[in-house]
Amino acid sequence: MKKTTITTAILFLFLNSFSQKDSVDVLFAFRITDYQVKLNDSVTVAQVNLPDRLPISIKNNQIGILKHRYQNGALDTTLIGWGRCHLIKGSYYYFAIHKYHEEEPEQGDVLYTQCKTPAYYKSLLFDINRHAINLTAVDESQFYHSAEIFQLDQQKEKTLLDSMIADIKSTGTAMKKQIPEQNQKVEGGLFDGKKLFDAMEITTRMELEEFLKYIVARPERYAGNTWKLSEIYATWMINKTPQVIPN
């Protein structure tokens, strides 16, 4: 276990060193597909398919690390292993993963690797997206597609955040009408003393940004998954709106 921990730390330092030197080298997460080939007891090939129109690239022989993602109510984000990209076919990238344990990778597990990107506007939504986190409206429609994140500027980001706030507010209103008995009192945090659905109705950009900062700082539960924004926002509220403390 100690060897695994040390190796993992070295890998993260290796990966992060590039992003510090060059702003167009960014650590991105991708869900692996259902294609896996076991080469031997310790190495399995996993496949990544880059989304259409995504203006990023992965180089041959590039290193990556593979982690479990949160699913079925189980928070198991154990490192599965590490490997290098040894084959590229169009938008498909194949990584030979050296496993730390006997268990095999599964579809949806999250592979982190460096990607070369064009210049981009630094935003919370960009950081959300690079953890393969997909946030949707309550009707499961998309707020944006991955490629759009690279076209953001301050005004476009504001427009997207405003649409998210509107979804949270309208969901609060709808829930207050449909299930008023669940309009519980929030204890602690930014909405202390308010009723849950009432608090959702008065959400501002400041609270939404605090929530997004929390996701970026603690992406383990969210990475690689699609979430209804209003649902996970309400959960954050009930759990006393934990926030990132600036250094």
Protein backbone atom coordinates (compact mmCIF):
# COMPACT_ATOMS: atom_id res chain seq x y z
CA MET A 1 0.00 0.00 0.00
CA LYS A 2 2.83 2.43 0.84
CA LYS A 3 4.45 1.75 -2.53
CA THR A 4 1.17 2.47 -4.29
CA THR A 5 0.75 5.75 -2.41
CA ILE A 6 4.26 6.90 -3.24
CA THR A 7 3.88 5.94 -6.90
CA THR A 8 0.57 7.79 -7.11
CA ALA A 9 2.07 10.93 -5.60
CA ILE A 10 4.92 10.85 -8.11
CA LEU A 11 2.47 10.46 -11.00
CA PHE A 12 0.38 13.42 -9.89
CA LEU A 13 3.49 15.58 -9.47
CA PHE A 14 4.62 14.51 -12.93
CA LEU A 15 1.27 15.37 -14.49
CA ASN A 16 0.76 18.65 -12.66
CA SER A 17 4.26 19.90 -13.43
CA PHE A 18 3.31 20.34 -17.06
CA SER A 19 0.24 22.47 -16.37
CA GLN A 20 2.37 24.78 -14.25
CA LYS A 21 4.90 25.30 -17.03
CA ASP A 22 2.54 25.65 -19.96
CA SER A 23 -0.99 26.99 -19.68
CA VAL A 24 -2.16 24.95 -22.68
CA ASP A 25 -1.32 21.59 -21.04
CA VAL A 26 -4.28 20.73 -18.84
CA LEU A 27 -5.16 17.68 -16.76
CA PHE A 28 -8.43 16.24 -18.08
CA ALA A 29 -10.58 13.28 -17.05
CA PHE A 30 -12.36 10.93 -19.44
CA ARG A 31 -14.67 7.98 -18.82
CA ILE A 32 -13.29 4.81 -20.36
CA THR A 33 -15.50 2.87 -22.78
CA ASP A 34 -16.70 -0.72 -22.49
CA TYR A 35 -13.66 -1.83 -24.53
CA GLN A 36 -11.02 -3.50 -22.33
CA VAL A 37 -8.46 -6.15 -23.26
CA LYS A 38 -6.60 -8.05 -20.55
CA LEU A 39 -2.99 -8.53 -21.68
CA ASN A 40 -1.90 -10.40 -18.54
CA ASP A 41 -2.65 -10.52 -14.82
CA SER A 42 -1.23 -7.06 -14.21
CA VAL A 43 -1.93 -5.10 -17.44
CA THR A 44 -5.25 -4.31 -19.12
CA VAL A 45 -5.82 -2.08 -22.14
CA ALA A 46 -8.49 0.59 -21.60
CA GLN A 47 -10.01 2.79 -24.31
CA VAL A 48 -10.89 6.49 -24.23
CA ASN A 49 -13.01 8.20 -26.87
CA LEU A 50 -12.59 11.97 -27.04
CA PRO A 51 -15.93 13.78 -27.48
CA ASP A 52 -16.71 15.22 -30.91
CA ARG A 53 -15.40 18.72 -31.66
CA LEU A 54 -13.38 18.81 -28.47
CA PRO A 55 -10.28 20.89 -29.38
CA ILE A 56 -7.79 18.88 -27.35
CA SER A 57 -5.28 16.14 -28.10
CA ILE A 58 -3.51 13.26 -26.37
CA LYS A 59 -0.02 12.29 -27.45
CA ASN A 60 1.26 8.79 -28.04
CA ASN A 61 3.16 7.37 -25.04
CA GLN A 62 1.47 9.91 -22.78
CA ILE A 63 0.96 8.85 -19.17
CA GLY A 64 -2.43 8.57 -17.46
CA ILE A 65 -3.92 7.30 -14.20
CA LEU A 66 -7.19 5.39 -13.87
CA LYS A 67 -9.61 5.79 -10.95
CA HIS A 68 -12.97 4.39 -9.96
CA ARG A 69 -15.90 6.79 -10.13
CA TYR A 70 -18.70 7.28 -7.65
CA GLN A 71 -21.69 5.07 -8.49
CA ASN A 72 -24.53 3.16 -6.87
CA GLY A 73 -24.14 5.18 -3.68
CA ALA A 74 -20.60 3.90 -3.10
CA LEU A 75 -17.78 6.42 -2.86
CA ASP A 76 -14.87 4.28 -4.04
CA THR A 77 -12.36 6.42 -5.89
CA THR A 78 -9.45 4.03 -5.44
CA LEU A 79 -6.66 4.28 -7.98
CA ILE A 80 -6.90 1.32 -10.31
CA GLY A 81 -3.51 1.83 -11.91
CA TRP A 82 -1.45 3.85 -14.34
CA GLY A 83 -0.38 3.45 -17.94
CA ARG A 84 0.66 5.05 -21.20
CA CYS A 85 -1.18 5.69 -24.44
CA HIS A 86 0.26 3.14 -26.85
CA LEU A 87 -2.19 3.37 -29.76
CA ILE A 88 -4.30 6.11 -31.38
CA LYS A 89 -7.07 5.39 -33.89
CA GLY A 90 -8.98 8.50 -34.86
CA SER A 91 -10.73 9.77 -31.72
CA TYR A 92 -9.94 6.53 -29.81
CA TYR A 93 -6.95 6.33 -27.47
CA TYR A 94 -5.71 3.08 -25.92
CA PHE A 95 -3.90 3.01 -22.58
CA ALA A 96 -2.07 -0.05 -21.23
CA ILE A 97 -3.02 0.17 -17.55
CA HIS A 98 -0.67 -1.39 -14.99
CA LYS A 99 -3.06 -2.35 -12.20
CA TYR A 100 -2.39 -1.95 -8.51
CA HIS A 101 -4.93 -4.64 -7.62
CA GLU A 102 -6.50 -7.72 -9.19
CA GLU A 103 -9.81 -6.05 -10.06
CA GLU A 104 -10.34 -5.11 -13.69
CA PRO A 105 -11.25 -1.64 -15.01
CA GLU A 106 -14.95 -1.10 -15.75
CA GLN A 107 -16.79 1.07 -18.23
CA GLY A 108 -17.15 4.57 -16.79
CA ASP A 109 -14.00 4.47 -14.68
CA VAL A 110 -12.16 7.80 -14.98
CA LEU A 111 -8.81 8.22 -16.68
CA TYR A 112 -6.86 11.42 -15.97
CA THR A 113 -4.24 12.53 -18.47
CA GLN A 114 -2.63 15.70 -19.79
CA CYS A 115 -4.18 17.23 -22.90
CA LYS A 116 -2.90 19.93 -25.18
CA THR A 117 -5.57 22.64 -25.40
CA PRO A 118 -5.94 25.96 -27.19
CA ALA A 119 -5.93 29.12 -25.12
CA TYR A 120 -9.06 29.26 -22.96
CA TYR A 121 -10.92 31.50 -20.54
CA LYS A 122 -10.22 30.34 -17.00
CA SER A 123 -13.59 29.68 -15.40
CA LEU A 124 -15.31 27.46 -12.86
CA LEU A 125 -17.22 25.72 -15.63
CA PHE A 126 -13.96 24.89 -17.40
CA ASP A 127 -12.62 23.29 -14.22
CA ILE A 128 -15.91 21.40 -13.74
CA ASN A 129 -15.71 20.11 -17.29
CA ARG A 130 -12.12 18.89 -17.04
CA HIS A 131 -13.22 16.41 -14.36
CA ALA A 132 -15.73 14.89 -16.82
CA ILE A 133 -18.61 16.25 -14.73
CA ASN A 134 -21.80 16.81 -16.69
CA LEU A 135 -24.37 19.11 -15.09
CA THR A 136 -27.92 19.11 -16.48
CA ALA A 137 -31.18 20.95 -15.88
CA VAL A 138 -33.97 19.21 -13.96
CA ASP A 139 -35.45 18.00 -17.28
CA GLU A 140 -32.02 16.46 -18.10
CA SER A 141 -31.33 18.95 -20.90
CA GLN A 142 -27.75 20.14 -21.30
CA PHE A 143 -26.66 23.57 -20.09
CA TYR A 144 -23.73 23.33 -22.54
CA HIS A 145 -21.65 20.85 -24.51
CA SER A 146 -18.01 20.16 -23.71
CA ALA A 147 -16.64 21.95 -26.78
CA GLU A 148 -18.47 25.15 -25.83
CA ILE A 149 -16.38 25.47 -22.67
CA PHE A 150 -13.37 26.39 -24.81
CA GLN A 151 -15.34 29.27 -26.35
CA LEU A 152 -16.32 30.88 -23.07
CA ASP A 153 -15.61 34.46 -22.13
CA GLN A 154 -16.82 36.40 -19.09
CA GLN A 155 -20.20 37.26 -20.61
CA LYS A 156 -20.90 33.78 -21.97
CA GLU A 157 -20.03 32.25 -18.61
CA LYS A 158 -22.40 34.69 -16.88
CA THR A 159 -25.18 33.67 -19.25
CA LEU A 160 -24.63 29.98 -18.47
CA LEU A 161 -24.50 30.59 -14.73
CA ASP A 162 -27.72 32.61 -14.96
CA SER A 163 -29.43 29.69 -16.71
CA MET A 164 -28.27 27.39 -13.92
CA ILE A 165 -29.61 29.75 -11.25
CA ALA A 166 -32.94 29.92 -13.08
CA ASP A 167 -33.13 26.10 -13.09
CA ILE A 168 -32.42 25.92 -9.34
CA LYS A 169 -35.04 28.58 -8.59
CA SER A 170 -37.74 27.03 -10.76
CA THR A 171 -37.02 23.59 -9.28
CA GLY A 172 -37.43 25.00 -5.78
CA THR A 173 -40.77 26.52 -6.73
CA ALA A 174 -41.98 23.29 -8.35
CA MET A 175 -40.91 21.13 -5.40
CA LYS A 176 -42.63 23.46 -2.92
CA LYS A 177 -45.89 22.86 -4.78
CA GLN A 178 -45.44 19.13 -5.42
CA ILE A 179 -43.92 17.95 -2.12
CA PRO A 180 -44.39 20.72 0.47
CA GLU A 181 -43.87 18.23 3.30
CA GLN A 182 -40.21 17.91 2.24
CA ASN A 183 -39.54 21.63 2.47
CA GLN A 184 -37.29 21.03 5.45
CA LYS A 185 -35.49 23.63 7.53
CA VAL A 186 -31.80 24.05 6.69
CA GLU A 187 -29.54 24.04 9.71
CA GLY A 188 -26.12 25.64 9.30
CA GLY A 189 -24.28 27.09 6.34
CA LEU A 190 -25.22 29.93 4.02
CA PHE A 191 -28.96 29.21 4.27
CA ASP A 192 -29.17 28.56 7.99
CA GLY A 193 -32.73 28.81 9.30
CA LYS A 194 -34.40 28.94 5.89
CA LYS A 195 -36.66 26.31 4.35
CA LEU A 196 -34.90 24.27 1.62
CA PHE A 197 -37.16 25.06 -1.33
CA ASP A 198 -37.55 28.69 -0.24
CA ALA A 199 -33.77 29.01 -0.15
CA MET A 200 -33.48 27.52 -3.63
CA GLU A 201 -35.85 30.23 -4.87
CA ILE A 202 -33.52 32.99 -3.64
CA THR A 203 -30.24 31.46 -4.82
CA THR A 204 -27.82 34.00 -6.28
CA ARG A 205 -24.72 33.73 -8.40
CA MET A 206 -22.57 34.01 -5.29
CA GLU A 207 -24.02 30.83 -3.74
CA LEU A 208 -23.87 28.94 -7.03
CA GLU A 209 -20.20 29.87 -7.47
CA GLU A 210 -19.45 28.71 -3.93
CA PHE A 211 -21.01 25.36 -4.79
CA LEU A 212 -19.06 25.04 -8.04
CA LYS A 213 -15.82 25.90 -6.20
CA TYR A 214 -16.61 23.11 -3.74
CA ILE A 215 -17.08 20.61 -6.58
CA VAL A 216 -13.77 21.63 -8.16
CA ALA A 217 -11.99 21.28 -4.81
CA ARG A 218 -13.66 17.94 -4.01
CA PRO A 219 -14.37 16.33 -7.40
CA GLU A 220 -14.15 12.69 -6.28
CA ARG A 221 -17.89 12.20 -5.78
CA TYR A 222 -18.80 14.03 -8.97
CA ALA A 223 -16.10 13.12 -11.53
CA GLY A 224 -17.18 11.06 -14.51
CA ASN A 225 -20.89 11.37 -13.78
CA THR A 226 -23.95 13.24 -15.03
CA TRP A 227 -25.86 15.10 -12.34
CA LYS A 228 -29.02 17.18 -12.19
CA LEU A 229 -27.66 20.46 -10.88
CA SER A 230 -30.67 21.33 -8.72
CA GLU A 231 -30.52 17.95 -6.94
CA ILE A 232 -26.85 18.06 -5.97
CA TYR A 233 -27.15 21.76 -5.13
CA ALA A 234 -30.00 20.95 -2.71
CA THR A 235 -27.88 18.18 -1.16
CA TRP A 236 -25.05 20.68 -0.65
CA MET A 237 -27.50 23.04 1.06
CA ILE A 238 -28.79 20.33 3.41
CA ASN A 239 -25.18 19.46 4.29
CA LYS A 240 -24.51 23.02 5.50
CA THR A 241 -23.02 24.37 2.26
CA PRO A 242 -19.35 23.39 2.82
CA GLN A 243 -17.10 25.98 1.21
CA VAL A 244 -13.54 26.30 -0.01
CA ILE A 245 -11.43 28.41 2.33
CA PRO A 246 -9.00 30.65 0.37
CA ASN A 247 -5.32 30.31 1.26
